[in-house]
């Protein structure tokens, strides 16, 4: 059975002081930490492309896992909506070459935002099991610094650049359990790019997350014959401190189990959940963790991962 064997990440050292940004928009420390949740937002260098962030994360994964060899990788999936240059060719092909992976590798992109990691781990698991593949890389990298207007107070204080690489393979310590997904394209205008600039209707996105995510998690638990008490931690998309706090309260079941960790990263889109898993989950003694990603689309996905 294919599961999660390891995760590594790349978070640029350079970035933006969110207190300085907040001062420009008359936002104080209480607002920045209490509502936004991020004091620092990492930013890629001007000379870095999305594929370069992917390569940094993948190289960290190889360095941390001597059992994973480049020549043994069968499939590479990149989750991004901000690929290299204008998105053609697909970023995964560029990453395959930069990493020196064999040309026998299957490589393709998934164009999803904040729900992308949950979709991605199930997409790569299904692909691998259907084709009889043994080792896969799922990479997330969505540098919103490419599209965010630094003068837009609704977005410029939220997003940080980062990339993660997840090793999917057999004999994994973490298995994938039940999952549920959803899409509501009528909400597409709330999160979109026009003429190269990102737009977000923050109030609509907040309301969407508050209504959809707690209910979706309860549906997932019911489908899995589990109670909230059976879950050791909830790793949901780190959209903002306000969203994580509000979802945890609305869930009405041990809100202290919802992990919030974005002070030094911001909203890293599809990378936010695997960053939590790498830092808080993989080396823990927890047995069962719930995930939920939600955002652009509108799109959402929730899942249970567990130790067998």
C-alpha atoms as a PDB file:
ATOM      1  CA  UNK A   1       0.000   0.000   0.000  1.00  0.00           C
ATOM      2  CA  UNK A   2       1.320   3.417  -0.981  1.00  0.00           C
ATOM      3  CA  UNK A   3       1.673   5.969   1.821  1.00  0.00           C
ATOM      4  CA  UNK A   4       3.745   8.902   3.088  1.00  0.00           C
ATOM      5  CA  UNK A   5       7.371   7.961   3.739  1.00  0.00           C
ATOM      6  CA  UNK A   6       8.933  11.384   4.237  1.00  0.00           C
ATOM      7  CA  UNK A   7       8.527  15.134   3.737  1.00  0.00           C
ATOM      8  CA  UNK A   8      11.100  17.891   3.274  1.00  0.00           C
ATOM      9  CA  UNK A   9      10.672  21.585   2.601  1.00  0.00           C
ATOM     10  CA  UNK A  10      12.323  24.714   1.329  1.00  0.00           C
ATOM     11  CA  UNK A  11      11.450  28.086   2.846  1.00  0.00           C
ATOM     12  CA  UNK A  12      13.420  31.055   1.456  1.00  0.00           C
ATOM     13  CA  UNK A  13      15.488  32.921   4.044  1.00  0.00           C
ATOM     14  CA  UNK A  14      14.758  36.321   2.546  1.00  0.00           C
ATOM     15  CA  UNK A  15      11.355  37.862   2.904  1.00  0.00           C
ATOM     16  CA  UNK A  16       9.108  40.675   4.059  1.00  0.00           C
ATOM     17  CA  UNK A  17       8.643  42.089   7.576  1.00  0.00           C
ATOM     18  CA  UNK A  18       4.890  41.983   8.069  1.00  0.00           C
ATOM     19  CA  UNK A  19       5.010  44.575  10.845  1.00  0.00           C
ATOM     20  CA  UNK A  20       6.471  47.039   8.337  1.00  0.00           C
ATOM     21  CA  UNK A  21       3.770  46.135   5.839  1.00  0.00           C
ATOM     22  CA  UNK A  22       1.139  46.491   8.527  1.00  0.00           C
ATOM     23  CA  UNK A  23       2.351  49.973   9.444  1.00  0.00           C
ATOM     24  CA  UNK A  24       1.842  51.013   5.824  1.00  0.00           C
ATOM     25  CA  UNK A  25      -1.793  49.960   6.068  1.00  0.00           C
ATOM     26  CA  UNK A  26      -2.363  51.206   9.644  1.00  0.00           C
ATOM     27  CA  UNK A  27      -2.504  47.662  11.037  1.00  0.00           C
ATOM     28  CA  UNK A  28      -1.042  47.071  14.501  1.00  0.00           C
ATOM     29  CA  UNK A  29       0.739  44.066  16.029  1.00  0.00           C
ATOM     30  CA  UNK A  30      -2.497  42.696  17.492  1.00  0.00           C
ATOM     31  CA  UNK A  31      -4.075  42.587  14.034  1.00  0.00           C
ATOM     32  CA  UNK A  32      -0.996  41.110  12.361  1.00  0.00           C
ATOM     33  CA  UNK A  33      -0.558  38.264  14.837  1.00  0.00           C
ATOM     34  CA  UNK A  34      -4.201  37.779  15.839  1.00  0.00           C
ATOM     35  CA  UNK A  35      -5.877  38.017  12.446  1.00  0.00           C
ATOM     36  CA  UNK A  36      -3.130  37.457   9.870  1.00  0.00           C
ATOM     37  CA  UNK A  37      -0.924  35.207  12.019  1.00  0.00           C
ATOM     38  CA  UNK A  38       2.377  35.976  10.301  1.00  0.00           C
ATOM     39  CA  UNK A  39       5.180  38.296  11.385  1.00  0.00           C
ATOM     40  CA  UNK A  40       7.411  37.338   8.443  1.00  0.00           C
ATOM     41  CA  UNK A  41       6.630  36.291   4.884  1.00  0.00           C
ATOM     42  CA  UNK A  42       9.358  34.373   2.995  1.00  0.00           C
ATOM     43  CA  UNK A  43       9.946  35.443  -0.590  1.00  0.00           C
ATOM     44  CA  UNK A  44      11.827  33.759  -3.405  1.00  0.00           C
ATOM     45  CA  UNK A  45      14.674  35.641  -5.074  1.00  0.00           C
ATOM     46  CA  UNK A  46      13.869  37.466  -8.301  1.00  0.00           C
ATOM     47  CA  UNK A  47      16.091  34.998 -10.141  1.00  0.00           C
ATOM     48  CA  UNK A  48      14.299  31.934  -8.747  1.00  0.00           C
ATOM     49  CA  UNK A  49      11.575  30.188 -10.679  1.00  0.00           C
ATOM     50  CA  UNK A  50       8.887  27.901  -9.277  1.00  0.00           C
ATOM     51  CA  UNK A  51      10.900  24.897 -10.482  1.00  0.00           C
ATOM     52  CA  UNK A  52      13.913  26.103  -8.463  1.00  0.00           C
ATOM     53  CA  UNK A  53      11.833  26.055  -5.269  1.00  0.00           C
ATOM     54  CA  UNK A  54      10.703  22.524  -6.177  1.00  0.00           C
ATOM     55  CA  UNK A  55      14.290  21.408  -6.697  1.00  0.00           C
ATOM     56  CA  UNK A  56      15.403  22.825  -3.340  1.00  0.00           C
ATOM     57  CA  UNK A  57      12.670  20.906  -1.506  1.00  0.00           C
ATOM     58  CA  UNK A  58      13.324  17.693  -3.456  1.00  0.00           C
ATOM     59  CA  UNK A  59      17.068  17.865  -2.848  1.00  0.00           C
ATOM     60  CA  UNK A  60      16.385  18.243   0.889  1.00  0.00           C
ATOM     61  CA  UNK A  61      14.161  15.147   0.690  1.00  0.00           C
ATOM     62  CA  UNK A  62      16.920  13.130  -1.016  1.00  0.00           C
ATOM     63  CA  UNK A  63      19.482  14.334   1.541  1.00  0.00           C
ATOM     64  CA  UNK A  64      17.255  13.363   4.473  1.00  0.00           C
ATOM     65  CA  UNK A  65      16.288   9.955   3.048  1.00  0.00           C
ATOM     66  CA  UNK A  66      19.327   7.980   1.811  1.00  0.00           C
ATOM     67  CA  UNK A  67      16.997   5.111   0.859  1.00  0.00           C
ATOM     68  CA  UNK A  68      15.396   7.273  -1.828  1.00  0.00           C
ATOM     69  CA  UNK A  69      17.503   7.320  -4.989  1.00  0.00           C
ATOM     70  CA  UNK A  70      16.932   9.587  -7.972  1.00  0.00           C
ATOM     71  CA  UNK A  71      17.046   6.648 -10.352  1.00  0.00           C
ATOM     72  CA  UNK A  72      14.283   4.916  -8.385  1.00  0.00           C
ATOM     73  CA  UNK A  73      11.700   7.677  -8.802  1.00  0.00           C
ATOM     74  CA  UNK A  74       8.814   6.510 -10.994  1.00  0.00           C
ATOM     75  CA  UNK A  75       6.476   9.512 -10.905  1.00  0.00           C
ATOM     76  CA  UNK A  76       6.745  13.225 -10.153  1.00  0.00           C
ATOM     77  CA  UNK A  77       3.710  15.439  -9.615  1.00  0.00           C
ATOM     78  CA  UNK A  78       3.981  19.179  -9.025  1.00  0.00           C
ATOM     79  CA  UNK A  79       1.041  20.986  -7.433  1.00  0.00           C
ATOM     80  CA  UNK A  80       1.127  24.612  -8.578  1.00  0.00           C
ATOM     81  CA  UNK A  81      -0.949  27.340 -10.135  1.00  0.00           C
ATOM     82  CA  UNK A  82       2.081  29.574 -10.648  1.00  0.00           C
ATOM     83  CA  UNK A  83       4.451  27.471 -12.706  1.00  0.00           C
ATOM     84  CA  UNK A  84       7.567  28.531 -14.567  1.00  0.00           C
ATOM     85  CA  UNK A  85       7.235  31.454 -16.951  1.00  0.00           C
ATOM     86  CA  UNK A  86       3.786  31.223 -18.546  1.00  0.00           C
ATOM     87  CA  UNK A  87       2.977  27.637 -17.545  1.00  0.00           C
ATOM     88  CA  UNK A  88       4.032  25.882 -20.722  1.00  0.00           C
ATOM     89  CA  UNK A  89       5.709  23.440 -20.580  1.00  0.00           C
ATOM     90  CA  UNK A  90       4.460  21.940 -17.341  1.00  0.00           C
ATOM     91  CA  UNK A  91       6.699  22.661 -14.378  1.00  0.00           C
ATOM     92  CA  UNK A  92       7.109  18.963 -13.522  1.00  0.00           C
ATOM     93  CA  UNK A  93       8.989  18.408 -16.792  1.00  0.00           C
ATOM     94  CA  UNK A  94      11.412  21.206 -15.944  1.00  0.00           C
ATOM     95  CA  UNK A  95      11.874  19.817 -12.424  1.00  0.00           C
ATOM     96  CA  UNK A  96      12.539  16.318 -13.803  1.00  0.00           C
ATOM     97  CA  UNK A  97      15.439  17.699 -15.832  1.00  0.00           C
ATOM     98  CA  UNK A  98      16.847  19.913 -13.084  1.00  0.00           C
ATOM     99  CA  UNK A  99      16.772  17.025 -10.593  1.00  0.00           C
ATOM    100  CA  UNK A 100      18.400  14.605 -13.021  1.00  0.00           C
ATOM    101  CA  UNK A 101      15.579  12.111 -12.718  1.00  0.00           C
ATOM    102  CA  UNK A 102      15.392   9.285 -15.291  1.00  0.00           C
ATOM    103  CA  UNK A 103      13.445   9.939 -18.492  1.00  0.00           C
ATOM    104  CA  UNK A 104      11.273   6.935 -17.629  1.00  0.00           C
ATOM    105  CA  UNK A 105       9.565   9.053 -14.965  1.00  0.00           C
ATOM    106  CA  UNK A 106       5.933  10.115 -15.375  1.00  0.00           C
ATOM    107  CA  UNK A 107       5.792  13.855 -14.675  1.00  0.00           C
ATOM    108  CA  UNK A 108       2.806  16.172 -14.664  1.00  0.00           C
ATOM    109  CA  UNK A 109       1.280  19.133 -12.848  1.00  0.00           C
ATOM    110  CA  UNK A 110      -1.914  19.502 -10.851  1.00  0.00           C
ATOM    111  CA  UNK A 111      -3.399  23.001 -11.063  1.00  0.00           C
ATOM    112  CA  UNK A 112      -4.891  23.384  -7.609  1.00  0.00           C
ATOM    113  CA  UNK A 113      -4.317  25.889  -4.849  1.00  0.00           C
ATOM    114  CA  UNK A 114      -4.851  25.477  -1.118  1.00  0.00           C
ATOM    115  CA  UNK A 115      -6.674  22.137  -1.445  1.00  0.00           C
ATOM    116  CA  UNK A 116      -3.902  20.782  -3.679  1.00  0.00           C
ATOM    117  CA  UNK A 117      -1.941  18.717  -1.174  1.00  0.00           C
ATOM    118  CA  UNK A 118      -4.913  16.627  -0.086  1.00  0.00           C
ATOM    119  CA  UNK A 119      -5.932  16.063  -3.701  1.00  0.00           C
ATOM    120  CA  UNK A 120      -2.312  15.422  -4.633  1.00  0.00           C
ATOM    121  CA  UNK A 121      -1.535  12.633  -2.175  1.00  0.00           C
ATOM    122  CA  UNK A 122      -4.619  10.715  -3.302  1.00  0.00           C
ATOM    123  CA  UNK A 123      -3.958  11.384  -6.981  1.00  0.00           C
ATOM    124  CA  UNK A 124      -0.379  10.106  -6.775  1.00  0.00           C
ATOM    125  CA  UNK A 125      -1.384   7.111  -4.623  1.00  0.00           C
ATOM    126  CA  UNK A 126      -4.036   6.073  -7.148  1.00  0.00           C
ATOM    127  CA  UNK A 127      -1.719   6.635 -10.099  1.00  0.00           C
ATOM    128  CA  UNK A 128       1.069   4.625  -8.504  1.00  0.00           C
ATOM    129  CA  UNK A 129      -1.114   1.701  -7.438  1.00  0.00           C
ATOM    130  CA  UNK A 130      -2.861   1.519 -10.809  1.00  0.00           C
ATOM    131  CA  UNK A 131       0.454   1.486 -12.683  1.00  0.00           C
ATOM    132  CA  UNK A 132       2.419  -0.646 -10.214  1.00  0.00           C
ATOM    133  CA  UNK A 133       4.924   2.097  -9.358  1.00  0.00           C
ATOM    134  CA  UNK A 134       7.040   2.069  -6.214  1.00  0.00           C
ATOM    135  CA  UNK A 135       8.416   5.563  -5.557  1.00  0.00           C
ATOM    136  CA  UNK A 136       6.764   8.908  -6.190  1.00  0.00           C
ATOM    137  CA  UNK A 137       7.468  12.553  -5.458  1.00  0.00           C
ATOM    138  CA  UNK A 138       4.638  14.967  -4.766  1.00  0.00           C
ATOM    139  CA  UNK A 139       5.974  18.519  -4.799  1.00  0.00           C
ATOM    140  CA  UNK A 140       4.064  21.650  -3.822  1.00  0.00           C
ATOM    141  CA  UNK A 141       5.252  25.118  -4.834  1.00  0.00           C
ATOM    142  CA  UNK A 142       2.988  28.093  -5.452  1.00  0.00           C
ATOM    143  CA  UNK A 143       4.905  31.370  -5.054  1.00  0.00           C
ATOM    144  CA  UNK A 144       2.127  33.916  -4.833  1.00  0.00           C
ATOM    145  CA  UNK A 145       4.750  36.672  -4.774  1.00  0.00           C
ATOM    146  CA  UNK A 146       4.534  36.354  -8.570  1.00  0.00           C
ATOM    147  CA  UNK A 147       0.935  37.551  -8.622  1.00  0.00           C
ATOM    148  CA  UNK A 148       0.232  39.504  -5.410  1.00  0.00           C
ATOM    149  CA  UNK A 149       0.028  43.281  -5.663  1.00  0.00           C
ATOM    150  CA  UNK A 150       2.215  44.732  -2.850  1.00  0.00           C
ATOM    151  CA  UNK A 151      -0.240  47.631  -2.574  1.00  0.00           C
ATOM    152  CA  UNK A 152      -3.248  45.350  -2.015  1.00  0.00           C
ATOM    153  CA  UNK A 153      -3.814  45.241   1.746  1.00  0.00           C
ATOM    154  CA  UNK A 154      -6.149  42.232   1.338  1.00  0.00           C
ATOM    155  CA  UNK A 155      -3.421  39.939   0.018  1.00  0.00           C
ATOM    156  CA  UNK A 156       0.104  41.281   0.448  1.00  0.00           C
ATOM    157  CA  UNK A 157       0.201  40.598   4.215  1.00  0.00           C
ATOM    158  CA  UNK A 158      -0.998  37.003   3.845  1.00  0.00           C
ATOM    159  CA  UNK A 159       1.123  34.974   1.453  1.00  0.00           C
ATOM    160  CA  UNK A 160       4.593  33.467   1.798  1.00  0.00           C
ATOM    161  CA  UNK A 161       6.652  31.466  -0.690  1.00  0.00           C
ATOM    162  CA  UNK A 162       7.659  27.876   0.127  1.00  0.00           C
ATOM    163  CA  UNK A 163       7.934  24.421  -1.409  1.00  0.00           C
ATOM    164  CA  UNK A 164       7.602  20.886  -0.052  1.00  0.00           C
ATOM    165  CA  UNK A 165       8.458  17.433  -1.372  1.00  0.00           C
ATOM    166  CA  UNK A 166       6.683  14.291  -0.156  1.00  0.00           C
ATOM    167  CA  UNK A 167       8.026  10.795  -0.741  1.00  0.00           C
ATOM    168  CA  UNK A 168       5.198   8.410  -1.500  1.00  0.00           C
ATOM    169  CA  UNK A 169       5.997   4.703  -1.514  1.00  0.00           C
ATOM    170  CA  UNK A 170       5.467   1.236  -0.112  1.00  0.00           C
ATOM    171  CA  UNK A 171       6.057   0.237   3.533  1.00  0.00           C
ATOM    172  CA  UNK A 172       5.265   3.793   4.619  1.00  0.00           C
ATOM    173  CA  UNK A 173       4.804   4.792   8.270  1.00  0.00           C
ATOM    174  CA  UNK A 174       1.732   6.886   7.386  1.00  0.00           C
ATOM    175  CA  UNK A 175      -1.168   5.462   5.377  1.00  0.00           C
ATOM    176  CA  UNK A 176      -4.012   7.316   3.690  1.00  0.00           C
ATOM    177  CA  UNK A 177      -7.477   6.659   5.077  1.00  0.00           C
ATOM    178  CA  UNK A 178     -10.876   7.962   4.068  1.00  0.00           C
ATOM    179  CA  UNK A 179     -11.094  11.214   2.112  1.00  0.00           C
ATOM    180  CA  UNK A 180     -13.814  13.552   0.907  1.00  0.00           C
ATOM    181  CA  UNK A 181     -13.632  16.237  -1.760  1.00  0.00           C
ATOM    182  CA  UNK A 182     -15.776  19.034  -3.123  1.00  0.00           C
ATOM    183  CA  UNK A 183     -15.935  21.833  -5.669  1.00  0.00           C
ATOM    184  CA  UNK A 184     -18.163  24.877  -6.106  1.00  0.00           C
ATOM    185  CA  UNK A 185     -17.190  26.755  -9.238  1.00  0.00           C
ATOM    186  CA  UNK A 186     -19.826  29.405  -8.576  1.00  0.00           C
ATOM    187  CA  UNK A 187     -17.325  30.794  -6.068  1.00  0.00           C
ATOM    188  CA  UNK A 188     -14.567  31.148  -8.673  1.00  0.00           C
ATOM    189  CA  UNK A 189     -14.770  34.992  -8.766  1.00  0.00           C
ATOM    190  CA  UNK A 190     -13.785  35.185  -5.086  1.00  0.00           C
ATOM    191  CA  UNK A 191     -10.209  34.021  -5.773  1.00  0.00           C
ATOM    192  CA  UNK A 192      -8.834  34.679  -9.227  1.00  0.00           C
ATOM    193  CA  UNK A 193      -6.053  36.188 -11.319  1.00  0.00           C
ATOM    194  CA  UNK A 194      -6.806  38.894 -13.886  1.00  0.00           C
ATOM    195  CA  UNK A 195      -4.080  40.438 -16.053  1.00  0.00           C
ATOM    196  CA  UNK A 196      -1.456  38.737 -13.921  1.00  0.00           C
ATOM    197  CA  UNK A 197      -2.688  40.146 -10.593  1.00  0.00           C
ATOM    198  CA  UNK A 198      -4.313  38.122  -7.815  1.00  0.00           C
ATOM    199  CA  UNK A 199      -7.685  39.158  -6.389  1.00  0.00           C
ATOM    200  CA  UNK A 200      -9.284  37.795  -3.231  1.00  0.00           C
ATOM    201  CA  UNK A 201     -12.638  38.596  -1.666  1.00  0.00           C
ATOM    202  CA  UNK A 202     -11.498  37.967   1.887  1.00  0.00           C
ATOM    203  CA  UNK A 203     -14.923  38.086   3.527  1.00  0.00           C
ATOM    204  CA  UNK A 204     -16.417  35.571   1.091  1.00  0.00           C
ATOM    205  CA  UNK A 205     -13.432  33.229   1.481  1.00  0.00           C
ATOM    206  CA  UNK A 206     -13.633  33.455   5.282  1.00  0.00           C
ATOM    207  CA  UNK A 207     -17.348  32.677   5.235  1.00  0.00           C
ATOM    208  CA  UNK A 208     -16.792  29.768   2.840  1.00  0.00           C
ATOM    209  CA  UNK A 209     -14.147  28.231   5.105  1.00  0.00           C
ATOM    210  CA  UNK A 210     -16.215  28.738   8.244  1.00  0.00           C
ATOM    211  CA  UNK A 211     -19.332  27.135   6.766  1.00  0.00           C
ATOM    212  CA  UNK A 212     -17.744  24.348   4.734  1.00  0.00           C
ATOM    213  CA  UNK A 213     -14.669  23.048   6.583  1.00  0.00           C
ATOM    214  CA  UNK A 214     -16.031  22.133  10.060  1.00  0.00           C
ATOM    215  CA  UNK A 215     -19.044  20.398   8.519  1.00  0.00           C
ATOM    216  CA  UNK A 216     -16.813  18.595   6.009  1.00  0.00           C
ATOM    217  CA  UNK A 217     -14.550  17.320   8.783  1.00  0.00           C
ATOM    218  CA  UNK A 218     -17.538  16.033  10.747  1.00  0.00           C
ATOM    219  CA  UNK A 219     -18.819  14.256   7.601  1.00  0.00           C
ATOM    220  CA  UNK A 220     -15.387  12.687   7.117  1.00  0.00           C
ATOM    221  CA  UNK A 221     -15.266  11.458  10.707  1.00  0.00           C
ATOM    222  CA  UNK A 222     -18.748   9.985  10.403  1.00  0.00           C
ATOM    223  CA  UNK A 223     -17.812   8.200   7.167  1.00  0.00           C
ATOM    224  CA  UNK A 224     -14.708   6.853   8.929  1.00  0.00           C
ATOM    225  CA  UNK A 225     -16.641   5.690  12.012  1.00  0.00           C
ATOM    226  CA  UNK A 226     -14.517   8.004  14.144  1.00  0.00           C
ATOM    227  CA  UNK A 227     -15.101  10.650  16.790  1.00  0.00           C
ATOM    228  CA  UNK A 228     -13.144  13.877  17.254  1.00  0.00           C
ATOM    229  CA  UNK A 229     -11.558  12.206  20.285  1.00  0.00           C
ATOM    230  CA  UNK A 230     -10.034   9.578  17.949  1.00  0.00           C
ATOM    231  CA  UNK A 231      -8.012  12.270  16.131  1.00  0.00           C
ATOM    232  CA  UNK A 232      -4.694  13.333  17.632  1.00  0.00           C
ATOM    233  CA  UNK A 233      -4.370  16.538  15.587  1.00  0.00           C
ATOM    234  CA  UNK A 234      -6.099  18.523  12.864  1.00  0.00           C
ATOM    235  CA  UNK A 235      -3.805  19.953  10.190  1.00  0.00           C
ATOM    236  CA  UNK A 236      -5.886  22.352   8.133  1.00  0.00           C
ATOM    237  CA  UNK A 237      -4.768  24.871   5.528  1.00  0.00           C
ATOM    238  CA  UNK A 238      -3.113  27.848   7.191  1.00  0.00           C
ATOM    239  CA  UNK A 239      -5.088  30.517   5.354  1.00  0.00           C
ATOM    240  CA  UNK A 240      -4.768  32.985   8.212  1.00  0.00           C
ATOM    241  CA  UNK A 241      -4.821  32.899  11.993  1.00  0.00           C
ATOM    242  CA  UNK A 242      -8.415  34.123  11.941  1.00  0.00           C
ATOM    243  CA  UNK A 243      -9.553  31.299   9.654  1.00  0.00           C
ATOM    244  CA  UNK A 244      -7.801  28.546  11.619  1.00  0.00           C
ATOM    245  CA  UNK A 245      -9.146  29.871  14.925  1.00  0.00           C
ATOM    246  CA  UNK A 246     -12.677  30.288  13.585  1.00  0.00           C
ATOM    247  CA  UNK A 247     -12.779  26.804  12.031  1.00  0.00           C
ATOM    248  CA  UNK A 248     -11.455  25.266  15.267  1.00  0.00           C
ATOM    249  CA  UNK A 249     -14.165  27.020  17.305  1.00  0.00           C
ATOM    250  CA  UNK A 250     -16.953  26.162  14.858  1.00  0.00           C
ATOM    251  CA  UNK A 251     -15.874  22.502  14.741  1.00  0.00           C
ATOM    252  CA  UNK A 252     -17.009  22.156  18.359  1.00  0.00           C
ATOM    253  CA  UNK A 253     -14.744  19.261  19.239  1.00  0.00           C
ATOM    254  CA  UNK A 254     -11.418  19.777  21.002  1.00  0.00           C
ATOM    255  CA  UNK A 255     -10.342  22.980  19.192  1.00  0.00           C
ATOM    256  CA  UNK A 256      -6.941  22.777  20.905  1.00  0.00           C
ATOM    257  CA  UNK A 257      -6.090  19.920  18.524  1.00  0.00           C
ATOM    258  CA  UNK A 258      -6.064  22.299  15.542  1.00  0.00           C
ATOM    259  CA  UNK A 259      -2.439  23.143  14.818  1.00  0.00           C
ATOM    260  CA  UNK A 260      -1.654  26.768  13.969  1.00  0.00           C
ATOM    261  CA  UNK A 261       1.868  27.534  12.801  1.00  0.00           C
ATOM    262  CA  UNK A 262       2.349  30.326  10.263  1.00  0.00           C
ATOM    263  CA  UNK A 263       4.205  33.075  12.141  1.00  0.00           C
ATOM    264  CA  UNK A 264       7.348  32.684  10.001  1.00  0.00           C
ATOM    265  CA  UNK A 265       5.775  31.357   6.800  1.00  0.00           C
ATOM    266  CA  UNK A 266       2.405  32.971   6.124  1.00  0.00           C
ATOM    267  CA  UNK A 267      -0.137  31.341   3.843  1.00  0.00           C
ATOM    268  CA  UNK A 268       1.979  29.087   1.614  1.00  0.00           C
ATOM    269  CA  UNK A 269      -1.004  27.790  -0.394  1.00  0.00           C
ATOM    270  CA  UNK A 270      -0.583  24.061  -1.240  1.00  0.00           C
ATOM    271  CA  UNK A 271       2.527  23.848   0.952  1.00  0.00           C
ATOM    272  CA  UNK A 272       0.852  24.767   4.241  1.00  0.00           C
ATOM    273  CA  UNK A 273      -0.410  21.288   5.184  1.00  0.00           C
ATOM    274  CA  UNK A 274       2.805  19.381   4.353  1.00  0.00           C
ATOM    275  CA  UNK A 275       4.793  22.017   6.281  1.00  0.00           C
ATOM    276  CA  UNK A 276       2.665  21.176   9.320  1.00  0.00           C
ATOM    277  CA  UNK A 277       3.112  17.442   8.740  1.00  0.00           C
ATOM    278  CA  UNK A 278       6.881  17.760   8.426  1.00  0.00           C
ATOM    279  CA  UNK A 279       7.253  19.877  11.554  1.00  0.00           C
ATOM    280  CA  UNK A 280       4.599  18.467  13.888  1.00  0.00           C
ATOM    281  CA  UNK A 281       3.382  15.055  12.726  1.00  0.00           C
ATOM    282  CA  UNK A 282       5.917  12.769  11.042  1.00  0.00           C
ATOM    283  CA  UNK A 283       8.169  12.372  14.071  1.00  0.00           C
ATOM    284  CA  UNK A 284       5.373  12.466  16.652  1.00  0.00           C
ATOM    285  CA  UNK A 285       3.848   9.492  18.431  1.00  0.00           C
ATOM    286  CA  UNK A 286       0.400  10.384  17.091  1.00  0.00           C
ATOM    287  CA  UNK A 287      -1.628   7.636  15.449  1.00  0.00           C
ATOM    288  CA  UNK A 288      -4.312   9.470  13.493  1.00  0.00           C
ATOM    289  CA  UNK A 289      -4.375  12.978  11.973  1.00  0.00           C
ATOM    290  CA  UNK A 290      -7.079  14.796  10.004  1.00  0.00           C
ATOM    291  CA  UNK A 291      -6.210  17.088   7.075  1.00  0.00           C
ATOM    292  CA  UNK A 292      -8.305  19.711   5.310  1.00  0.00           C
ATOM    293  CA  UNK A 293      -7.365  22.025   2.452  1.00  0.00           C
ATOM    294  CA  UNK A 294      -9.675  24.659   0.993  1.00  0.00           C
ATOM    295  CA  UNK A 295      -9.506  27.652  -1.300  1.00  0.00           C
ATOM    296  CA  UNK A 296      -9.289  28.582  -4.985  1.00  0.00           C
ATOM    297  CA  UNK A 297     -12.015  27.000  -7.085  1.00  0.00           C
ATOM    298  CA  UNK A 298     -13.760  27.014  -4.771  1.00  0.00           C
ATOM    299  CA  UNK A 299     -12.247  23.655  -3.885  1.00  0.00           C
ATOM    300  CA  UNK A 300     -11.895  21.616  -0.720  1.00  0.00           C
ATOM    301  CA  UNK A 301     -10.586  18.240   0.367  1.00  0.00           C
ATOM    302  CA  UNK A 302     -10.352  16.524   3.757  1.00  0.00           C
ATOM    303  CA  UNK A 303      -8.684  13.247   4.710  1.00  0.00           C
ATOM    304  CA  UNK A 304      -7.470  11.009   7.515  1.00  0.00           C
ATOM    305  CA  UNK A 305      -3.883   9.773   7.626  1.00  0.00           C
ATOM    306  CA  UNK A 306      -2.915   7.125  10.150  1.00  0.00           C
ATOM    307  CA  UNK A 307      -0.187   4.813  11.391  1.00  0.00           C
ATOM    308  CA  UNK A 308      -1.109   1.189  10.584  1.00  0.00           C
END
